[in-house]
N, C-alpha and C. Protein backbone atom coordinates (compact mmCIF):
# COMPACT_ATOMS: atom_id res chain seq x y z
N MET A 1 0.85 -1.19 0.00
CA MET A 1 0.00 0.00 0.00
C MET A 1 0.89 1.25 0.00
N ALA A 2 0.55 2.19 -0.84
CA ALA A 2 1.34 3.43 -0.96
C ALA A 2 1.14 4.33 0.26
N GLU A 3 2.13 5.14 0.49
CA GLU A 3 2.07 6.07 1.61
C GLU A 3 1.08 7.19 1.34
N ILE A 4 0.34 7.58 2.36
CA ILE A 4 -0.56 8.73 2.28
C ILE A 4 0.31 9.98 2.29
N PRO A 5 0.07 10.93 1.40
CA PRO A 5 0.89 12.15 1.38
C PRO A 5 0.78 12.94 2.69
N ILE A 6 1.85 13.58 3.04
CA ILE A 6 1.86 14.47 4.21
C ILE A 6 1.86 15.90 3.67
N LEU A 7 0.74 16.57 3.84
CA LEU A 7 0.60 17.93 3.31
C LEU A 7 1.40 18.94 4.12
N PHE A 8 1.45 18.75 5.42
CA PHE A 8 2.25 19.63 6.28
C PHE A 8 2.45 18.94 7.63
N GLU A 9 3.54 19.30 8.29
CA GLU A 9 3.79 18.78 9.63
C GLU A 9 3.50 19.85 10.67
N ARG A 10 3.75 21.10 10.29
CA ARG A 10 3.44 22.24 11.16
C ARG A 10 2.53 23.18 10.39
N LYS A 11 1.66 23.86 11.08
CA LYS A 11 0.71 24.76 10.41
C LYS A 11 1.41 25.84 9.59
N GLU A 12 2.61 26.20 9.96
CA GLU A 12 3.36 27.22 9.22
C GLU A 12 3.73 26.74 7.82
N GLU A 13 3.61 25.44 7.57
CA GLU A 13 3.93 24.86 6.26
C GLU A 13 2.72 24.80 5.34
N CYS A 14 1.63 25.44 5.73
CA CYS A 14 0.40 25.44 4.94
C CYS A 14 -0.19 26.84 4.95
N CYS A 15 -0.53 27.34 3.76
CA CYS A 15 -1.11 28.69 3.68
C CYS A 15 -2.64 28.66 3.59
N GLY A 16 -3.23 27.46 3.53
CA GLY A 16 -4.68 27.35 3.49
C GLY A 16 -5.28 27.77 2.16
N CYS A 17 -4.53 27.65 1.08
CA CYS A 17 -4.98 28.13 -0.24
C CYS A 17 -6.05 27.24 -0.87
N THR A 18 -6.23 26.05 -0.38
CA THR A 18 -7.19 25.03 -0.86
C THR A 18 -6.83 24.42 -2.21
N ALA A 19 -5.63 24.62 -2.71
CA ALA A 19 -5.23 24.02 -3.99
C ALA A 19 -5.28 22.50 -3.91
N CYS A 20 -4.82 21.93 -2.82
CA CYS A 20 -4.82 20.48 -2.66
C CYS A 20 -6.26 19.95 -2.62
N TYR A 21 -7.10 20.64 -1.92
CA TYR A 21 -8.52 20.28 -1.82
C TYR A 21 -9.18 20.32 -3.20
N ALA A 22 -8.88 21.37 -3.95
CA ALA A 22 -9.50 21.56 -5.26
C ALA A 22 -9.05 20.52 -6.29
N ILE A 23 -7.80 20.08 -6.21
CA ILE A 23 -7.28 19.16 -7.23
C ILE A 23 -7.59 17.70 -6.95
N CYS A 24 -7.97 17.36 -5.75
CA CYS A 24 -8.20 15.96 -5.40
C CYS A 24 -9.43 15.41 -6.11
N SER A 25 -9.20 14.52 -7.06
CA SER A 25 -10.29 13.96 -7.86
C SER A 25 -11.11 12.92 -7.09
N LYS A 26 -10.60 12.46 -5.97
CA LYS A 26 -11.29 11.45 -5.17
C LYS A 26 -12.07 12.07 -4.01
N GLY A 27 -11.96 13.37 -3.83
CA GLY A 27 -12.66 14.02 -2.71
C GLY A 27 -12.12 13.58 -1.36
N ALA A 28 -10.84 13.25 -1.33
CA ALA A 28 -10.22 12.73 -0.11
C ALA A 28 -9.73 13.81 0.83
N ILE A 29 -9.76 15.07 0.39
CA ILE A 29 -9.26 16.16 1.22
C ILE A 29 -10.41 17.08 1.60
N SER A 30 -10.50 17.34 2.89
CA SER A 30 -11.48 18.31 3.37
C SER A 30 -10.72 19.42 4.10
N MET A 31 -11.34 20.57 4.17
CA MET A 31 -10.72 21.69 4.89
C MET A 31 -11.41 21.80 6.24
N ARG A 32 -10.61 21.76 7.30
CA ARG A 32 -11.17 21.84 8.66
C ARG A 32 -10.61 23.06 9.37
N GLU A 33 -11.50 23.71 10.06
CA GLU A 33 -11.15 24.94 10.79
C GLU A 33 -10.49 24.59 12.12
N ASP A 34 -9.41 25.31 12.44
CA ASP A 34 -8.77 25.12 13.74
C ASP A 34 -9.40 26.08 14.75
N LYS A 35 -8.90 26.09 15.97
CA LYS A 35 -9.51 26.92 17.01
C LYS A 35 -9.34 28.41 16.78
N GLU A 36 -8.39 28.81 15.92
CA GLU A 36 -8.21 30.22 15.58
C GLU A 36 -9.04 30.65 14.38
N GLY A 37 -9.72 29.69 13.72
CA GLY A 37 -10.57 30.01 12.59
C GLY A 37 -9.92 29.84 11.23
N PHE A 38 -8.69 29.33 11.18
CA PHE A 38 -8.01 29.09 9.92
C PHE A 38 -8.32 27.68 9.45
N GLU A 39 -8.45 27.50 8.14
CA GLU A 39 -8.76 26.19 7.59
C GLU A 39 -7.49 25.50 7.09
N TYR A 40 -7.40 24.20 7.41
CA TYR A 40 -6.27 23.39 7.00
C TYR A 40 -6.77 22.09 6.39
N PRO A 41 -6.05 21.54 5.41
CA PRO A 41 -6.49 20.30 4.77
C PRO A 41 -6.28 19.07 5.65
N VAL A 42 -7.25 18.16 5.55
CA VAL A 42 -7.17 16.87 6.24
C VAL A 42 -7.47 15.80 5.20
N ILE A 43 -6.63 14.77 5.14
CA ILE A 43 -6.80 13.70 4.16
C ILE A 43 -7.57 12.54 4.78
N ASP A 44 -8.59 12.08 4.07
CA ASP A 44 -9.34 10.89 4.44
C ASP A 44 -8.57 9.69 3.89
N LYS A 45 -7.95 8.93 4.77
CA LYS A 45 -7.09 7.81 4.36
C LYS A 45 -7.86 6.71 3.63
N GLU A 46 -9.15 6.64 3.83
CA GLU A 46 -9.97 5.64 3.16
C GLU A 46 -10.21 6.00 1.68
N LYS A 47 -10.24 7.29 1.38
CA LYS A 47 -10.51 7.76 0.01
C LYS A 47 -9.24 8.02 -0.79
N CYS A 48 -8.15 8.32 -0.12
CA CYS A 48 -6.90 8.69 -0.79
C CYS A 48 -6.31 7.51 -1.56
N VAL A 49 -5.93 7.76 -2.81
CA VAL A 49 -5.29 6.73 -3.65
C VAL A 49 -3.79 7.00 -3.84
N SER A 50 -3.25 7.93 -3.08
CA SER A 50 -1.82 8.25 -3.09
C SER A 50 -1.32 8.64 -4.47
N CYS A 51 -2.07 9.48 -5.17
CA CYS A 51 -1.64 9.96 -6.49
C CYS A 51 -0.68 11.14 -6.37
N TYR A 52 -0.65 11.77 -5.21
CA TYR A 52 0.24 12.88 -4.88
C TYR A 52 -0.02 14.16 -5.68
N SER A 53 -1.18 14.25 -6.33
CA SER A 53 -1.54 15.49 -7.03
C SER A 53 -1.56 16.66 -6.05
N CYS A 54 -1.99 16.40 -4.84
CA CYS A 54 -2.07 17.45 -3.82
C CYS A 54 -0.70 18.04 -3.52
N LEU A 55 0.33 17.20 -3.48
CA LEU A 55 1.67 17.71 -3.22
C LEU A 55 2.23 18.46 -4.42
N HIS A 56 1.91 17.99 -5.60
CA HIS A 56 2.42 18.63 -6.82
C HIS A 56 1.85 20.03 -7.03
N VAL A 57 0.63 20.26 -6.57
CA VAL A 57 -0.02 21.56 -6.76
C VAL A 57 0.28 22.53 -5.58
N CYS A 58 0.78 22.03 -4.50
CA CYS A 58 1.03 22.83 -3.30
C CYS A 58 2.13 23.88 -3.53
N PRO A 59 1.83 25.16 -3.28
CA PRO A 59 2.86 26.19 -3.49
C PRO A 59 4.01 26.06 -2.50
N PHE A 60 3.81 25.40 -1.38
CA PHE A 60 4.87 25.22 -0.41
C PHE A 60 5.75 24.01 -0.74
N LYS A 61 5.20 23.03 -1.46
CA LYS A 61 5.94 21.80 -1.75
C LYS A 61 6.58 21.81 -3.14
N SER A 62 6.05 22.61 -4.05
CA SER A 62 6.59 22.59 -5.42
C SER A 62 7.73 23.55 -5.63
């Protein structure tokens, strides 16, 4: 089984642009609000097919 992509390890590594959410053809990424009101992506491991499109489109990872 392929590894699930890691979009960020610390919140500072994500700008909340929703590019990963928008490109996911499987609907495996949702945006969840933290306690400060900022939205961050969360991957549903059951839906993710490890295509890594989310990492390729990420402005912080590319």
